[in-house]
Every structure is written in C-alpha cells, then in structure tokens.
C-alpha cells in the first residue's frame, strides 16, 4: 500500500495522466493535509483531480494545502476545480490554501481574477499559519515597496499595476504583495 493510500483510501487508484500527487498530514492543523502536485492540470486530467480530492474530503480532511511548486501549466478548467475544492472545504468548516505556485501558472489565476478569491501564500509555513487562523486573511496592504530599477520607495494600497514616479518603470504587485516588472 502506498503512503498516499495510507492517508486516503484508494487515492492512487485514480490515474491522472500528466500530474503526480503526494499526500502528507499537515501537523498542527485540524483536519489538515498537504497535497503536493507536480506536472500539469488541464481539461483532460481535471476530472481525476476532482475525484482524488473528493476522496480526500470523504476521508475527513477539511483544511487542504495545495503545494504547487511542481506545476508547470494549469488550464481554466483546472482553476475551476481549485475553486470547487475551496467551496467543498468551506462547507466542511475548513479552508484551502495554495502555496509555492510558480509565476507562470499563477499568472493564469491572476488574469482570470482568481487570485482575489483563492488564498495564495509564498511558503508552506505561511499557508500553515493561514489555515491555523481559519477564515482570517493576512493583511498585506498597504505595503511599501522599492522600485527594483531606481530603488525609490512607493506605497501600494492594493494589488495591481503601478508606475514608478521617478524612473517610469511599470511594476505589478500580486495579491500576496510580490513584486514583478511589467
């Protein structure tokens, strides 16, 4: 029997071409589990992702951390599955958090407006703290940032695009306060 199947019965029986999953308990969080995902989530393997997560919820887990450092692509169908998982967790009195999402797949969430709906954090430690606190969001804004080109300090009141008043560089700040050029 695999370690995944030890935590969630028959989890590995569901084959998901293009994506690999590894489960581990999330210590210190009631009903907490980490779902490590590597590969991609697209229109073709999203049904298997949904079925795997249904088994996770059936096994009694309600606070789910999706560790996504290994995701290299996600389609809008896959994003919809993350939203459905968040709704399922909330119905059980829990929550979901997405951590370590690489910038290119995260940009798809951002373009579709889901970074405001879903809970993103840079590290597993931040995600764990979020789940321990429950519903409360971590306040990121207002935030003082430095322009990476000219080092001028700027104040950002919310996520979005800003132009440095000194060097005119366009900066983007995501909902987690991470700064990008462009």
Foldseek 3Di string as FASTA:
>chain_A
DDPLCVQFPCLVVQDAPFKDWDKDADPPFVLEIEIEIAGEAEPRRLVSVLVSLVRSVVSPRQEYEYEYLRYDAYDVSNVVSVVVSQVSSVVVVFGYEYECHDDVRVVVCVVVPNLVVHHYDHDVVVSSVDRNVGPDDDDDPQDWDADPPPGDIDTDGAFAWDADPPPRWIWGAGRNRDIDTD
